[in-house]
Amino acid sequence: MSAVSIGQAAVLGVVEGVTEFLPVSSTGHLKITEGLMGIPVDDTSVVGFTAVIQVGAIAAVLLYFFKDIVRIVSAWGRGLADKNERYHHDYKFAWWVVYATIPIVAVGLAAKPLIEGPLASLWVVAGSLIAGSGVMWAADQMGRHKRGEDDTTFKDAMLVGSSQILALLFPGFSRSGATMSTALVLDLDRVAATRLSFFLGIPALTGAGLYELKDAVGAGVGAAPLAVGTAVSFVVAYASIAWLLKFVARHSFNAFVLYRIVVGVALLGLLTTGVLTA
């Protein structure tokens, strides 16, 4: 039997789609949902399943930002063929995304046993949700929000890309939360910080999904649940992206900070009372 049923896959697909790009931790919400449904959060096939359905959310990013991606990739191609085109910001940005992905790939491979073992605990998720809330609130207060997307630099990309490691090691911290917070500290405005988070997440999350595919299928998750979870996450994530970009253009991140604290405290309560096991 599959470690995840089709119905459970659909539910997890919704959770993944809603939370992947919101700064509330998709990994944390997935682990909480898995725990409530009686799915072992540290099972190899389940960890692989959650990584694979992220590809659906990434596909939503690729579709939503298709024109931007074509523009950036085209500039990169022109720059490779003609050195006179290499001054263009889009050409440089394409390389920055590649370079900024290297740190998280290196740490992900080196720390895989920890990530799939002790760090997969729901206690870690609860603590990271609360701690990450403090970081996000402080970053939003500190940031001067004066720099736009065209003002990003190689330093910005490397620092923001490297911050993804926090979410990798501490599920519940949130990849989006870490990257957006770092971008805000660097004085990018909220929309620029959010878009940069999206672009930097494409290679990292796609690579993770493809890397984990063999574990998800080979260790006990059927093809049907994988397909359903991925498809649902794609549809829901597309709507989530559109909503988030409109939201951050007019609001601070305080609503997400408060939500994370509530979820973190509630999770601590469920673990303490034994309703959920770590």
Protein backbone atom coordinates (compact mmCIF):
# COMPACT_ATOMS: atom_id res chain seq x y z
CA MET A 1 0.00 0.00 0.00
CA SER A 2 1.10 3.56 -0.64
CA ALA A 3 2.42 5.46 2.38
CA VAL A 4 0.16 8.36 1.28
CA SER A 5 -3.36 7.82 -0.07
CA ILE A 6 -4.84 9.81 -2.96
CA GLY A 7 -7.12 11.70 -0.59
CA GLN A 8 -4.24 12.55 1.73
CA ALA A 9 -2.18 13.59 -1.29
CA ALA A 10 -4.91 16.03 -2.36
CA VAL A 11 -5.02 17.60 1.11
CA LEU A 12 -1.24 17.89 1.24
CA GLY A 13 -1.28 19.39 -2.26
CA VAL A 14 -3.60 22.15 -1.05
CA VAL A 15 -1.41 22.81 1.99
CA GLU A 16 1.72 22.90 -0.18
CA GLY A 17 0.14 25.21 -2.75
CA VAL A 18 -1.16 27.68 -0.18
CA THR A 19 1.96 27.83 1.98
CA GLU A 20 4.97 27.28 -0.32
CA PHE A 21 5.44 30.96 -1.16
CA LEU A 22 3.77 32.56 1.83
CA PRO A 23 6.29 33.25 4.63
CA VAL A 24 4.62 30.76 6.97
CA SER A 25 6.65 27.58 6.25
CA SER A 26 5.21 25.04 3.85
CA THR A 27 7.39 22.31 5.40
CA GLY A 28 6.06 23.10 8.85
CA HIS A 29 2.44 23.06 7.71
CA LEU A 30 2.97 19.85 5.76
CA LYS A 31 4.49 18.11 8.77
CA ILE A 32 1.68 19.31 11.03
CA THR A 33 -0.93 18.11 8.51
CA GLU A 34 0.85 14.77 8.10
CA GLY A 35 0.92 14.35 11.87
CA LEU A 36 -2.80 15.10 12.19
CA MET A 37 -3.53 12.52 9.46
CA GLY A 38 -1.36 9.90 11.13
CA ILE A 39 1.36 9.96 8.45
CA PRO A 40 4.90 9.47 9.86
CA VAL A 41 6.66 12.78 9.23
CA ASP A 42 10.16 11.29 9.24
CA ASP A 43 9.41 8.39 6.87
CA THR A 44 11.80 8.51 3.90
CA SER A 45 9.06 8.14 1.32
CA VAL A 46 6.93 10.83 2.96
CA VAL A 47 9.86 13.28 3.05
CA GLY A 48 10.41 12.50 -0.62
CA PHE A 49 6.72 12.98 -1.39
CA THR A 50 6.65 16.48 0.13
CA ALA A 51 9.73 17.45 -1.90
CA VAL A 52 8.22 16.14 -5.13
CA ILE A 53 4.88 17.94 -4.84
CA GLN A 54 6.85 21.19 -4.47
CA VAL A 55 7.53 20.83 -8.19
CA GLY A 56 3.84 21.61 -8.77
CA ALA A 57 4.24 24.88 -6.90
CA ILE A 58 7.42 25.66 -8.84
CA ALA A 59 5.57 25.00 -12.10
CA ALA A 60 3.05 27.63 -10.98
CA VAL A 61 5.92 30.13 -10.54
CA LEU A 62 7.27 29.28 -14.00
CA LEU A 63 3.86 29.93 -15.53
CA TYR A 64 3.10 33.07 -13.53
CA PHE A 65 6.48 34.65 -14.26
CA PHE A 66 6.84 33.15 -17.73
CA LYS A 67 7.48 36.48 -19.48
CA ASP A 68 10.06 37.53 -16.89
CA ILE A 69 11.82 34.17 -17.09
CA VAL A 70 11.92 34.29 -20.90
CA ARG A 71 13.37 37.81 -20.71
CA ILE A 72 16.07 36.78 -18.22
CA VAL A 73 16.98 33.54 -20.01
CA SER A 74 17.08 35.37 -23.37
CA ALA A 75 19.43 37.98 -21.93
CA TRP A 76 21.61 35.20 -20.52
CA GLY A 77 21.75 33.49 -23.92
CA ARG A 78 22.62 36.73 -25.69
CA GLY A 79 25.34 37.40 -23.15
CA LEU A 80 26.90 33.98 -23.68
CA ALA A 81 27.03 34.62 -27.42
CA ASP A 82 28.06 38.29 -27.34
CA LYS A 83 30.21 39.80 -24.60
CA ASN A 84 28.81 43.24 -25.39
CA GLU A 85 25.46 42.04 -24.01
CA ARG A 86 26.91 41.06 -20.64
CA TYR A 87 26.40 44.49 -19.12
CA HIS A 88 22.64 43.88 -19.05
CA HIS A 89 21.17 43.42 -15.57
CA ASP A 90 19.10 40.40 -16.65
CA TYR A 91 22.24 38.59 -17.88
CA LYS A 92 23.95 39.19 -14.56
CA PHE A 93 20.84 38.24 -12.61
CA ALA A 94 20.64 34.86 -14.37
CA TRP A 95 24.17 34.03 -13.18
CA TRP A 96 23.41 35.34 -9.70
CA VAL A 97 20.53 32.88 -9.35
CA VAL A 98 22.89 30.05 -10.29
CA TYR A 99 25.59 31.15 -7.85
CA ALA A 100 23.08 31.81 -5.05
CA THR A 101 21.77 28.25 -5.33
CA ILE A 102 25.15 26.62 -4.70
CA PRO A 103 25.18 27.14 -0.88
CA ILE A 104 21.82 25.47 -0.27
CA VAL A 105 22.68 22.57 -2.58
CA ALA A 106 25.97 21.96 -0.76
CA VAL A 107 24.37 22.08 2.69
CA GLY A 108 21.39 20.02 1.56
CA LEU A 109 23.60 17.18 0.36
CA ALA A 110 25.94 17.33 3.36
CA ALA A 111 23.23 17.54 6.00
CA LYS A 112 20.66 15.18 4.40
CA PRO A 113 20.73 12.65 7.30
CA LEU A 114 20.02 15.41 9.82
CA ILE A 115 17.35 17.05 7.67
CA GLU A 116 15.46 13.79 7.23
CA GLY A 117 16.13 12.64 10.81
CA PRO A 118 16.38 14.71 14.03
CA LEU A 119 15.59 18.04 12.35
CA ALA A 120 12.31 16.64 10.98
CA SER A 121 10.84 16.75 14.49
CA LEU A 122 7.67 18.74 15.08
CA TRP A 123 9.36 20.30 18.12
CA VAL A 124 11.85 21.85 15.72
CA VAL A 125 8.98 23.03 13.52
CA ALA A 126 7.22 24.72 16.46
CA GLY A 127 10.36 26.45 17.67
CA SER A 128 11.31 27.56 14.18
CA LEU A 129 7.86 28.98 13.49
CA ILE A 130 8.07 31.19 16.57
CA ALA A 131 11.75 32.14 16.18
CA GLY A 132 11.26 32.90 12.49
CA SER A 133 8.37 35.21 13.38
CA GLY A 134 10.71 37.35 15.46
CA VAL A 135 13.23 37.52 12.63
CA MET A 136 10.56 38.49 10.10
CA TRP A 137 9.09 41.20 12.32
CA ALA A 138 12.53 42.69 13.03
CA ALA A 139 13.48 42.64 9.33
CA ASP A 140 10.27 44.40 8.32
CA GLN A 141 10.92 47.09 10.94
CA MET A 142 14.60 47.51 10.07
CA GLY A 143 14.21 47.62 6.30
CA ARG A 144 13.88 50.99 4.64
CA HIS A 145 12.07 49.52 1.58
CA LYS A 146 13.81 51.97 -0.75
CA ARG A 147 15.33 49.64 -3.37
CA GLY A 148 13.46 48.00 -6.24
CA GLU A 149 14.08 44.84 -8.24
CA ASP A 150 16.39 46.60 -10.72
CA ASP A 151 18.59 47.69 -7.81
CA THR A 152 19.50 44.16 -6.74
CA THR A 153 23.18 43.22 -6.74
CA PHE A 154 25.31 40.07 -6.65
CA LYS A 155 25.71 40.56 -2.89
CA ASP A 156 21.93 40.72 -2.46
CA ALA A 157 21.40 37.52 -4.42
CA MET A 158 24.10 35.60 -2.53
CA LEU A 159 22.91 36.69 0.91
CA VAL A 160 19.25 36.06 0.12
CA GLY A 161 20.01 32.74 -1.58
CA SER A 162 22.19 31.57 1.31
CA SER A 163 19.43 32.39 3.80
CA GLN A 164 17.43 29.49 2.35
CA ILE A 165 19.72 27.25 4.41
CA LEU A 166 17.87 28.35 7.56
CA ALA A 167 14.63 26.84 6.28
CA LEU A 168 16.44 23.71 5.08
CA LEU A 169 17.93 23.01 8.50
CA PHE A 170 15.02 24.27 10.59
CA PRO A 171 11.67 23.25 9.06
CA GLY A 172 9.17 25.80 10.24
CA PHE A 173 11.49 28.76 9.71
CA SER A 174 10.16 29.13 6.13
CA ARG A 175 12.24 29.48 2.99
CA SER A 176 10.10 32.41 1.86
CA GLY A 177 10.27 33.97 5.31
CA ALA A 178 14.07 33.66 5.44
CA THR A 179 14.64 35.04 1.95
CA MET A 180 12.13 37.87 2.25
CA SER A 181 13.48 38.88 5.66
CA THR A 182 17.05 38.97 4.36
CA ALA A 183 15.98 41.03 1.36
CA LEU A 184 14.13 43.49 3.62
CA VAL A 185 17.21 43.93 5.82
CA LEU A 186 19.09 44.77 2.61
CA ASP A 187 16.51 47.56 2.08
CA LEU A 188 14.63 46.03 -0.85
CA ASP A 189 10.96 46.94 -0.92
CA ARG A 190 8.43 44.21 -0.11
CA VAL A 191 7.45 43.48 -3.72
CA ALA A 192 11.10 43.26 -4.85
CA ALA A 193 11.89 41.02 -1.85
CA THR A 194 8.97 38.75 -2.68
CA ARG A 195 9.83 38.46 -6.38
CA LEU A 196 13.49 37.78 -5.58
CA SER A 197 12.37 35.02 -3.22
CA PHE A 198 10.32 33.47 -6.03
CA PHE A 199 13.16 33.50 -8.56
CA LEU A 200 15.74 32.11 -6.14
CA GLY A 201 13.37 29.33 -5.14
CA ILE A 202 12.99 27.94 -8.67
CA PRO A 203 16.29 26.02 -9.02
CA ALA A 204 16.53 25.00 -5.35
CA LEU A 205 13.02 23.57 -5.05
CA THR A 206 13.00 22.00 -8.52
CA GLY A 207 16.31 20.30 -7.82
CA ALA A 208 15.09 19.03 -4.45
CA GLY A 209 11.94 17.58 -6.00
CA LEU A 210 13.79 15.76 -8.77
CA TYR A 211 16.43 14.49 -6.34
CA GLU A 212 13.81 13.07 -3.95
CA LEU A 213 11.64 11.50 -6.66
CA LYS A 214 13.40 8.13 -6.49
CA ASP A 215 12.92 7.93 -2.71
CA ALA A 216 9.26 8.87 -2.91
CA VAL A 217 8.40 6.26 -5.52
CA GLY A 218 10.86 3.57 -4.53
CA ALA A 219 10.15 3.68 -0.81
CA GLY A 220 6.37 3.42 -0.81
CA VAL A 221 4.48 6.34 -2.38
CA GLY A 222 2.47 5.41 -5.44
CA ALA A 223 2.51 7.29 -8.73
CA ALA A 224 -1.15 8.31 -8.42
CA PRO A 225 -0.79 10.13 -5.07
CA LEU A 226 2.33 11.87 -6.39
CA ALA A 227 0.49 13.02 -9.50
CA VAL A 228 -2.56 14.23 -7.54
CA GLY A 229 -0.50 16.05 -4.92
CA THR A 230 1.63 17.76 -7.56
CA ALA A 231 -1.34 18.81 -9.71
CA VAL A 232 -3.29 20.22 -6.77
CA SER A 233 -0.27 22.12 -5.47
CA PHE A 234 0.19 23.67 -8.92
CA VAL A 235 -3.35 25.05 -9.14
CA VAL A 236 -3.46 26.32 -5.56
CA ALA A 237 0.06 27.79 -5.69
CA TYR A 238 -0.76 29.85 -8.78
CA ALA A 239 -3.65 31.52 -6.98
CA SER A 240 -1.48 31.97 -3.86
CA ILE A 241 1.27 33.76 -5.83
CA ALA A 242 -1.18 36.20 -7.40
CA TRP A 243 -2.71 36.99 -4.01
CA LEU A 244 0.64 37.42 -2.23
CA LEU A 245 2.04 39.94 -4.72
CA LYS A 246 -1.07 42.08 -4.37
CA PHE A 247 -1.01 41.78 -0.59
CA VAL A 248 2.64 42.79 -0.04
CA ALA A 249 2.22 45.83 -2.29
CA ARG A 250 -0.11 47.36 0.32
CA HIS A 251 0.58 45.63 3.64
CA SER A 252 3.41 44.78 6.04
CA PHE A 253 4.28 41.21 7.03
CA ASN A 254 2.72 41.60 10.49
CA ALA A 255 -0.25 39.39 9.66
CA PHE A 256 2.09 36.53 8.77
CA VAL A 257 4.13 37.12 11.94
CA LEU A 258 1.05 36.84 14.15
CA TYR A 259 -0.23 33.80 12.27
CA ARG A 260 3.10 31.99 12.65
CA ILE A 261 3.17 32.64 16.39
CA VAL A 262 -0.37 31.32 16.82
CA VAL A 263 0.43 28.17 14.83
CA GLY A 264 3.72 27.64 16.66
CA VAL A 265 2.14 27.99 20.11
CA ALA A 266 -0.78 25.74 19.09
CA LEU A 267 1.66 23.10 17.85
CA LEU A 268 3.59 23.23 21.13
CA GLY A 269 0.28 22.66 22.92
CA LEU A 270 -0.62 19.68 20.74
CA LEU A 271 2.82 18.13 21.30
CA THR A 272 2.79 18.77 25.04
CA THR A 273 -0.65 17.21 25.50
CA GLY A 274 0.22 14.23 23.34
CA VAL A 275 -2.36 14.94 20.63
CA LEU A 276 0.55 14.92 18.19
CA THR A 277 3.84 13.07 18.48
CA ALA A 278 7.08 14.69 17.39
